[in-house]
Amino acid sequence: MRTAGLPRSQIPLPVMADDISRRDLLIARWMTLVGDILPAMAKRCHWPISQDHCFMRVCLDTLFGAPWHAVVRRPAVRNLSDAQLGAAISIAEDLVRAPETLAALNRQSILWRRDATNLNRRLKHQPSKASAEAPEAWGQTRFRNLE
């Protein structure tokens, strides 16, 4: 069978159905949605994003209500539970059914990431209470030992 030029979703798997786990089916559906279906729709719908990793970001950030990598280790597809992966698939399928929602979800994802970045910057530049008190405490201890 010729498979050149076919999208991944239309290429038959070279295994028997009994050999495919539920997890494999979830991963296959996820990859088909974010790797083939949504990028193809992006061209037709004139979406602000078109690459697979952008769709993964939007769906996963929406799932967690925050930047996904703050919640789950990378790579996400390996570290999501089946329930989380199923929920992410549902979000991607919702985008297929209601393409007009993509722009708002993308904007929200960017805002969550901007907020997380700003918070990290503030925390890095804010001296901790222990480090602010350390020189004074060190000096008191040092002089006490000399008495």
C-alpha atoms as a PDB file:
ATOM      1  CA  MET A   1       0.000   0.000   0.000  1.00  0.00           C
ATOM      2  CA  ARG A   2       1.287   3.465  -0.883  1.00  0.00           C
ATOM      3  CA  THR A   3       1.399   5.871   2.062  1.00  0.00           C
ATOM      4  CA  ALA A   4       3.436   8.741   0.574  1.00  0.00           C
ATOM      5  CA  GLY A   5       1.562  12.006   0.892  1.00  0.00           C
ATOM      6  CA  LEU A   6      -1.083  10.653   3.269  1.00  0.00           C
ATOM      7  CA  PRO A   7      -1.555  12.388   6.615  1.00  0.00           C
ATOM      8  CA  ARG A   8      -0.491  10.333   9.615  1.00  0.00           C
ATOM      9  CA  SER A   9      -4.116   9.757  10.562  1.00  0.00           C
ATOM     10  CA  GLN A  10      -4.739   7.841   7.335  1.00  0.00           C
ATOM     11  CA  ILE A  11      -1.656   5.604   7.444  1.00  0.00           C
ATOM     12  CA  PRO A  12      -2.631   2.168   8.755  1.00  0.00           C
ATOM     13  CA  LEU A  13      -0.772   0.891  11.783  1.00  0.00           C
ATOM     14  CA  PRO A  14       1.279  -2.243  11.092  1.00  0.00           C
ATOM     15  CA  VAL A  15       0.005  -4.058  14.203  1.00  0.00           C
ATOM     16  CA  MET A  16      -3.051  -6.041  15.172  1.00  0.00           C
ATOM     17  CA  ALA A  17      -5.760  -4.200  17.121  1.00  0.00           C
ATOM     18  CA  ASP A  18      -5.188  -6.492  20.119  1.00  0.00           C
ATOM     19  CA  ASP A  19      -1.595  -5.242  20.331  1.00  0.00           C
ATOM     20  CA  ILE A  20      -2.576  -1.594  20.769  1.00  0.00           C
ATOM     21  CA  SER A  21      -3.015  -0.370  24.323  1.00  0.00           C
ATOM     22  CA  ARG A  22      -5.466   2.294  25.404  1.00  0.00           C
ATOM     23  CA  ARG A  23      -2.472   4.579  26.034  1.00  0.00           C
ATOM     24  CA  ASP A  24      -1.209   4.033  22.477  1.00  0.00           C
ATOM     25  CA  LEU A  25      -4.639   4.932  21.109  1.00  0.00           C
ATOM     26  CA  LEU A  26      -4.756   8.105  23.208  1.00  0.00           C
ATOM     27  CA  ILE A  27      -1.284   9.148  22.052  1.00  0.00           C
ATOM     28  CA  ALA A  28      -2.155   8.397  18.425  1.00  0.00           C
ATOM     29  CA  ARG A  29      -5.320  10.512  18.661  1.00  0.00           C
ATOM     30  CA  TRP A  30      -3.455  13.370  20.366  1.00  0.00           C
ATOM     31  CA  MET A  31      -0.692  13.370  17.753  1.00  0.00           C
ATOM     32  CA  THR A  32      -3.220  13.249  14.915  1.00  0.00           C
ATOM     33  CA  LEU A  33      -5.144  16.199  16.316  1.00  0.00           C
ATOM     34  CA  VAL A  34      -2.191  18.468  17.113  1.00  0.00           C
ATOM     35  CA  GLY A  35       0.065  17.240  14.318  1.00  0.00           C
ATOM     36  CA  ASP A  36      -2.319  16.980  11.376  1.00  0.00           C
ATOM     37  CA  ILE A  37      -5.895  18.120  11.892  1.00  0.00           C
ATOM     38  CA  LEU A  38      -5.376  21.416  13.752  1.00  0.00           C
ATOM     39  CA  PRO A  39      -2.428  22.589  11.589  1.00  0.00           C
ATOM     40  CA  ALA A  40      -4.507  21.887   8.468  1.00  0.00           C
ATOM     41  CA  MET A  41      -7.390  23.875   9.939  1.00  0.00           C
ATOM     42  CA  ALA A  42      -5.038  26.756  10.812  1.00  0.00           C
ATOM     43  CA  LYS A  43      -4.520  27.563   7.153  1.00  0.00           C
ATOM     44  CA  ARG A  44      -8.242  27.557   6.370  1.00  0.00           C
ATOM     45  CA  CYS A  45      -9.275  29.452   9.523  1.00  0.00           C
ATOM     46  CA  HIS A  46      -6.408  31.990   9.453  1.00  0.00           C
ATOM     47  CA  TRP A  47      -5.461  31.187  13.043  1.00  0.00           C
ATOM     48  CA  PRO A  48      -2.601  33.044  14.775  1.00  0.00           C
ATOM     49  CA  ILE A  49      -0.773  29.724  15.326  1.00  0.00           C
ATOM     50  CA  SER A  50      -0.146  26.821  12.978  1.00  0.00           C
ATOM     51  CA  GLN A  51       2.584  24.579  14.370  1.00  0.00           C
ATOM     52  CA  ASP A  52       1.971  21.388  16.328  1.00  0.00           C
ATOM     53  CA  HIS A  53       3.836  22.504  19.458  1.00  0.00           C
ATOM     54  CA  CYS A  54       1.696  25.667  19.603  1.00  0.00           C
ATOM     55  CA  PHE A  55      -1.501  23.594  19.600  1.00  0.00           C
ATOM     56  CA  MET A  56      -0.015  21.369  22.300  1.00  0.00           C
ATOM     57  CA  ARG A  57       0.780  24.470  24.371  1.00  0.00           C
ATOM     58  CA  VAL A  58      -2.704  25.936  24.027  1.00  0.00           C
ATOM     59  CA  CYS A  59      -4.487  22.662  24.830  1.00  0.00           C
ATOM     60  CA  LEU A  60      -2.267  21.749  27.780  1.00  0.00           C
ATOM     61  CA  ASP A  61      -2.203  25.258  29.267  1.00  0.00           C
ATOM     62  CA  THR A  62      -6.003  25.315  28.991  1.00  0.00           C
ATOM     63  CA  LEU A  63      -6.189  21.930  30.702  1.00  0.00           C
ATOM     64  CA  PHE A  64      -4.076  23.042  33.671  1.00  0.00           C
ATOM     65  CA  GLY A  65      -5.055  26.728  33.795  1.00  0.00           C
ATOM     66  CA  ALA A  66      -1.352  27.568  33.853  1.00  0.00           C
ATOM     67  CA  PRO A  67       1.782  26.896  31.812  1.00  0.00           C
ATOM     68  CA  TRP A  68       1.672  23.116  31.498  1.00  0.00           C
ATOM     69  CA  HIS A  69       5.390  22.630  32.194  1.00  0.00           C
ATOM     70  CA  ALA A  70       4.844  24.068  35.693  1.00  0.00           C
ATOM     71  CA  VAL A  71       2.507  21.136  36.389  1.00  0.00           C
ATOM     72  CA  VAL A  72       3.887  18.160  34.477  1.00  0.00           C
ATOM     73  CA  ARG A  73       7.414  17.150  33.494  1.00  0.00           C
ATOM     74  CA  ARG A  74       8.618  17.259  29.900  1.00  0.00           C
ATOM     75  CA  PRO A  75       7.884  15.592  27.541  1.00  0.00           C
ATOM     76  CA  ALA A  76       4.210  16.046  28.334  1.00  0.00           C
ATOM     77  CA  VAL A  77       2.883  13.176  26.239  1.00  0.00           C
ATOM     78  CA  ARG A  78       4.986  10.728  28.268  1.00  0.00           C
ATOM     79  CA  ASN A  79       4.223  12.235  31.650  1.00  0.00           C
ATOM     80  CA  LEU A  80       0.500  13.001  31.430  1.00  0.00           C
ATOM     81  CA  SER A  81      -1.843  10.515  33.021  1.00  0.00           C
ATOM     82  CA  ASP A  82      -4.369   8.827  30.740  1.00  0.00           C
ATOM     83  CA  ALA A  83      -7.096  11.034  32.247  1.00  0.00           C
ATOM     84  CA  GLN A  84      -5.073  14.206  31.598  1.00  0.00           C
ATOM     85  CA  LEU A  85      -4.284  13.109  28.056  1.00  0.00           C
ATOM     86  CA  GLY A  86      -7.952  12.335  27.468  1.00  0.00           C
ATOM     87  CA  ALA A  87      -8.909  15.799  28.739  1.00  0.00           C
ATOM     88  CA  ALA A  88      -6.307  17.426  26.465  1.00  0.00           C
ATOM     89  CA  ILE A  89      -7.741  15.462  23.536  1.00  0.00           C
ATOM     90  CA  SER A  90     -11.206  16.752  24.431  1.00  0.00           C
ATOM     91  CA  ILE A  91      -9.915  20.341  24.340  1.00  0.00           C
ATOM     92  CA  ALA A  92      -8.304  19.728  20.925  1.00  0.00           C
ATOM     93  CA  GLU A  93     -11.531  18.156  19.639  1.00  0.00           C
ATOM     94  CA  ASP A  94     -13.445  21.189  20.953  1.00  0.00           C
ATOM     95  CA  LEU A  95     -11.171  23.365  18.806  1.00  0.00           C
ATOM     96  CA  VAL A  96     -12.096  21.272  15.783  1.00  0.00           C
ATOM     97  CA  ARG A  97     -15.814  21.727  16.537  1.00  0.00           C
ATOM     98  CA  ALA A  98     -15.569  25.417  17.501  1.00  0.00           C
ATOM     99  CA  PRO A  99     -12.584  26.907  15.655  1.00  0.00           C
ATOM    100  CA  GLU A 100     -13.569  30.442  16.672  1.00  0.00           C
ATOM    101  CA  THR A 101     -12.411  29.678  20.245  1.00  0.00           C
ATOM    102  CA  LEU A 102      -8.747  29.158  19.326  1.00  0.00           C
ATOM    103  CA  ALA A 103      -7.701  32.831  19.334  1.00  0.00           C
ATOM    104  CA  ALA A 104      -9.052  33.405  22.858  1.00  0.00           C
ATOM    105  CA  LEU A 105      -7.450  30.222  24.223  1.00  0.00           C
ATOM    106  CA  ASN A 106      -4.131  31.173  22.624  1.00  0.00           C
ATOM    107  CA  ARG A 107      -4.284  34.664  24.175  1.00  0.00           C
ATOM    108  CA  GLN A 108      -5.076  33.185  27.590  1.00  0.00           C
ATOM    109  CA  SER A 109      -2.170  30.752  27.294  1.00  0.00           C
ATOM    110  CA  ILE A 110       0.186  33.620  26.482  1.00  0.00           C
ATOM    111  CA  LEU A 111      -1.112  35.624  29.468  1.00  0.00           C
ATOM    112  CA  TRP A 112      -0.563  32.705  31.845  1.00  0.00           C
ATOM    113  CA  ARG A 113       2.983  32.367  30.561  1.00  0.00           C
ATOM    114  CA  ARG A 114       3.639  36.100  30.821  1.00  0.00           C
ATOM    115  CA  ASP A 115       2.297  36.127  34.396  1.00  0.00           C
ATOM    116  CA  ALA A 116       4.459  33.128  35.310  1.00  0.00           C
ATOM    117  CA  THR A 117       7.545  34.774  33.805  1.00  0.00           C
ATOM    118  CA  ASN A 118       6.903  38.042  35.655  1.00  0.00           C
ATOM    119  CA  LEU A 119       6.371  36.175  38.924  1.00  0.00           C
ATOM    120  CA  ASN A 120       9.635  34.276  38.455  1.00  0.00           C
ATOM    121  CA  ARG A 121      11.487  37.529  37.759  1.00  0.00           C
ATOM    122  CA  ARG A 122      10.041  39.172  40.881  1.00  0.00           C
ATOM    123  CA  LEU A 123      10.987  36.186  43.019  1.00  0.00           C
ATOM    124  CA  LYS A 124      14.548  36.139  41.662  1.00  0.00           C
ATOM    125  CA  HIS A 125      15.094  39.835  42.430  1.00  0.00           C
ATOM    126  CA  GLN A 126      13.449  39.806  45.836  1.00  0.00           C
ATOM    127  CA  PRO A 127      15.912  38.996  48.624  1.00  0.00           C
ATOM    128  CA  SER A 128      14.688  36.268  50.883  1.00  0.00           C
ATOM    129  CA  LYS A 129      14.084  37.075  54.536  1.00  0.00           C
ATOM    130  CA  ALA A 130      16.942  34.781  55.582  1.00  0.00           C
ATOM    131  CA  SER A 131      19.495  36.390  53.265  1.00  0.00           C
ATOM    132  CA  ALA A 132      18.395  39.909  54.292  1.00  0.00           C
ATOM    133  CA  GLU A 133      18.912  39.058  57.969  1.00  0.00           C
ATOM    134  CA  ALA A 134      22.049  37.000  57.480  1.00  0.00           C
ATOM    135  CA  PRO A 135      24.663  39.797  57.606  1.00  0.00           C
ATOM    136  CA  GLU A 136      23.239  41.247  60.823  1.00  0.00           C
ATOM    137  CA  ALA A 137      22.904  37.858  62.461  1.00  0.00           C
ATOM    138  CA  TRP A 138      26.388  36.892  61.323  1.00  0.00           C
ATOM    139  CA  GLY A 139      27.855  40.062  62.789  1.00  0.00           C
ATOM    140  CA  GLN A 140      26.162  39.554  66.143  1.00  0.00           C
ATOM    141  CA  THR A 141      27.409  36.015  66.352  1.00  0.00           C
ATOM    142  CA  ARG A 142      30.893  37.019  65.358  1.00  0.00           C
ATOM    143  CA  PHE A 143      31.159  39.704  68.031  1.00  0.00           C
ATOM    144  CA  ARG A 144      29.607  37.539  70.713  1.00  0.00           C
ATOM    145  CA  ASN A 145      32.322  34.978  70.157  1.00  0.00           C
ATOM    146  CA  LEU A 146      34.973  37.652  70.771  1.00  0.00           C
ATOM    147  CA  GLU A 147      33.552  38.669  74.163  1.00  0.00           C
END
